[in-house]
């Protein structure tokens, strides 16, 4: 049982590290156009980041 507990703890730690990395990655402004499919649906994938942000801020 101790072996199973160690394996589960290691998996939880790995999942937590991956979660933190994913959250940091999503927060980066220069990576968001590559992660968001909304950009493709809105047809704004050919414009600059500033214009892209202005497009989405108009809807709010």
N, C-alpha and C. Protein backbone atom coordinates (compact mmCIF):
# COMPACT_ATOMS: atom_id res chain seq x y z
N UNK A 1 0.81 -1.19 0.00
CA UNK A 1 0.00 0.00 0.00
C UNK A 1 0.86 1.26 0.00
N UNK A 2 2.01 1.21 0.65
CA UNK A 2 2.88 2.39 0.67
C UNK A 2 3.38 2.72 -0.73
N UNK A 3 3.60 1.69 -1.53
CA UNK A 3 4.07 1.92 -2.90
C UNK A 3 3.00 2.66 -3.71
N UNK A 4 1.76 2.23 -3.57
CA UNK A 4 0.66 2.89 -4.27
C UNK A 4 0.51 4.34 -3.81
N UNK A 5 0.65 4.57 -2.52
CA UNK A 5 0.57 5.93 -1.99
C UNK A 5 1.66 6.82 -2.57
N UNK A 6 2.87 6.31 -2.66
CA UNK A 6 3.97 7.10 -3.24
C UNK A 6 3.72 7.42 -4.70
N UNK A 7 3.19 6.44 -5.43
CA UNK A 7 2.90 6.67 -6.85
C UNK A 7 1.81 7.74 -6.99
N UNK A 8 0.78 7.66 -6.17
CA UNK A 8 -0.30 8.65 -6.24
C UNK A 8 0.20 10.05 -5.87
N UNK A 9 1.04 10.14 -4.87
CA UNK A 9 1.59 11.44 -4.48
C UNK A 9 2.44 12.02 -5.60
N UNK A 10 3.24 11.19 -6.25
CA UNK A 10 4.06 11.66 -7.38
C UNK A 10 3.17 12.14 -8.52
N UNK A 11 2.09 11.41 -8.81
CA UNK A 11 1.17 11.82 -9.87
C UNK A 11 0.49 13.14 -9.54
N UNK A 12 0.12 13.32 -8.28
CA UNK A 12 -0.51 14.58 -7.87
C UNK A 12 0.46 15.74 -8.02
N UNK A 13 1.70 15.53 -7.64
CA UNK A 13 2.72 16.59 -7.77
C UNK A 13 2.96 16.92 -9.23
N UNK A 14 3.03 15.92 -10.09
CA UNK A 14 3.24 16.15 -11.52
C UNK A 14 2.05 16.91 -12.11
N UNK A 15 0.83 16.52 -11.74
CA UNK A 15 -0.36 17.22 -12.22
C UNK A 15 -0.38 18.67 -11.76
N UNK A 16 0.03 18.93 -10.53
CA UNK A 16 0.07 20.29 -10.01
C UNK A 16 1.09 21.14 -10.78
N UNK A 17 2.25 20.57 -11.07
CA UNK A 17 3.27 21.30 -11.84
C UNK A 17 2.76 21.60 -13.24
N UNK A 18 2.12 20.63 -13.88
CA UNK A 18 1.57 20.86 -15.21
C UNK A 18 0.48 21.93 -15.18
N UNK A 19 -0.36 21.91 -14.14
CA UNK A 19 -1.40 22.92 -13.99
C UNK A 19 -0.81 24.32 -13.87
N UNK A 20 0.22 24.47 -13.05
CA UNK A 20 0.87 25.78 -12.88
C UNK A 20 1.49 26.24 -14.20
N UNK A 21 2.17 25.34 -14.90
CA UNK A 21 2.78 25.70 -16.19
C UNK A 21 1.72 26.11 -17.20
N UNK A 22 0.61 25.40 -17.25
CA UNK A 22 -0.46 25.73 -18.19
C UNK A 22 -1.07 27.09 -17.86
N UNK A 23 -1.26 27.38 -16.58
CA UNK A 23 -1.82 28.66 -16.18
C UNK A 23 -0.89 29.81 -16.55
N UNK A 24 0.41 29.62 -16.35
CA UNK A 24 1.38 30.65 -16.71
C UNK A 24 1.39 30.85 -18.23
N UNK A 25 1.32 29.75 -18.97
CA UNK A 25 1.32 29.82 -20.43
C UNK A 25 0.10 30.57 -20.94
N UNK A 26 -1.06 30.33 -20.37
CA UNK A 26 -2.28 30.98 -20.82
C UNK A 26 -2.25 32.48 -20.50
N UNK A 27 -1.56 32.87 -19.47
CA UNK A 27 -1.51 34.28 -19.08
C UNK A 27 -0.58 35.12 -19.94
N UNK A 28 0.28 34.50 -20.73
CA UNK A 28 1.22 35.23 -21.58
C UNK A 28 0.48 35.82 -22.78
N UNK A 29 0.58 37.13 -22.94
CA UNK A 29 -0.15 37.82 -24.01
C UNK A 29 0.34 37.46 -25.40
N UNK A 30 1.63 37.24 -25.56
CA UNK A 30 2.13 36.96 -26.91
C UNK A 30 1.86 35.53 -27.35
N UNK A 31 1.38 34.67 -26.47
CA UNK A 31 1.08 33.29 -26.82
C UNK A 31 -0.43 33.08 -27.01
N UNK A 32 -1.24 33.97 -26.50
CA UNK A 32 -2.69 33.81 -26.56
C UNK A 32 -3.25 33.63 -27.97
N UNK A 33 -2.77 34.33 -28.99
CA UNK A 33 -3.34 34.10 -30.32
C UNK A 33 -3.12 32.67 -30.83
N UNK A 34 -2.07 32.02 -30.38
CA UNK A 34 -1.81 30.65 -30.81
C UNK A 34 -2.66 29.65 -30.05
N UNK A 35 -3.15 30.01 -28.87
CA UNK A 35 -3.92 29.10 -28.05
C UNK A 35 -5.43 29.25 -28.23
N UNK A 36 -5.87 30.42 -28.67
CA UNK A 36 -7.30 30.71 -28.73
C UNK A 36 -7.84 30.46 -30.13
N UNK A 37 -8.84 29.61 -30.24
CA UNK A 37 -9.49 29.38 -31.53
C UNK A 37 -10.49 30.49 -31.84
N UNK A 38 -10.84 31.28 -30.85
CA UNK A 38 -11.77 32.39 -31.07
C UNK A 38 -11.18 33.35 -32.10
N UNK A 39 -9.87 33.50 -32.11
CA UNK A 39 -9.22 34.38 -33.07
C UNK A 39 -9.53 33.93 -34.49
N UNK A 40 -9.50 32.63 -34.73
CA UNK A 40 -9.79 32.12 -36.06
C UNK A 40 -11.25 32.33 -36.41
N UNK A 41 -12.16 32.13 -35.45
CA UNK A 41 -13.58 32.29 -35.71
C UNK A 41 -13.95 33.74 -35.95
N UNK A 42 -13.30 34.64 -35.25
CA UNK A 42 -13.60 36.06 -35.39
C UNK A 42 -12.96 36.65 -36.63
N UNK A 43 -11.99 35.96 -37.22
CA UNK A 43 -11.34 36.45 -38.42
C UNK A 43 -10.33 37.54 -38.14
N UNK A 44 -9.77 37.55 -36.95
CA UNK A 44 -8.82 38.60 -36.59
C UNK A 44 -7.39 38.05 -36.47
N UNK A 45 -7.12 36.91 -37.09
CA UNK A 45 -5.80 36.32 -36.94
C UNK A 45 -4.73 37.00 -37.80
N UNK A 46 -5.10 37.93 -38.66
CA UNK A 46 -4.12 38.62 -39.49
C UNK A 46 -3.78 40.01 -38.98
N UNK A 47 -4.38 40.43 -37.87
CA UNK A 47 -4.13 41.77 -37.36
C UNK A 47 -3.17 41.71 -36.18
N UNK A 48 -2.71 42.86 -35.75
CA UNK A 48 -1.76 42.92 -34.65
C UNK A 48 -2.46 42.63 -33.32
N UNK A 49 -1.66 42.40 -32.30
CA UNK A 49 -2.20 42.09 -30.97
C UNK A 49 -3.03 43.25 -30.43
N UNK A 50 -2.59 44.48 -30.66
CA UNK A 50 -3.33 45.64 -30.18
C UNK A 50 -4.72 45.71 -30.81
N UNK A 51 -4.78 45.51 -32.11
CA UNK A 51 -6.07 45.51 -32.79
C UNK A 51 -6.93 44.34 -32.32
N UNK A 52 -6.30 43.21 -32.05
CA UNK A 52 -7.01 42.03 -31.58
C UNK A 52 -7.65 42.29 -30.22
N UNK A 53 -6.88 42.91 -29.33
CA UNK A 53 -7.41 43.22 -28.00
C UNK A 53 -8.52 44.25 -28.07
N UNK A 54 -8.38 45.21 -28.98
CA UNK A 54 -9.44 46.21 -29.15
C UNK A 54 -10.72 45.57 -29.66
N UNK A 55 -10.60 44.58 -30.52
CA UNK A 55 -11.76 43.89 -31.06
C UNK A 55 -12.53 43.19 -29.95
N UNK A 56 -11.81 42.51 -29.06
CA UNK A 56 -12.47 41.78 -28.00
C UNK A 56 -12.96 42.70 -26.89
N UNK A 57 -12.30 43.82 -26.67
CA UNK A 57 -12.74 44.73 -25.62
C UNK A 57 -14.01 45.48 -26.02
N UNK A 58 -14.31 45.59 -27.31
CA UNK A 58 -15.52 46.26 -27.75
C UNK A 58 -16.76 45.47 -27.37
N UNK A 59 -16.63 44.17 -27.28
CA UNK A 59 -17.78 43.33 -26.96
C UNK A 59 -18.14 43.36 -25.49
N UNK A 60 -17.27 43.88 -24.65
CA UNK A 60 -17.53 43.89 -23.20
C UNK A 60 -18.26 45.11 -22.76
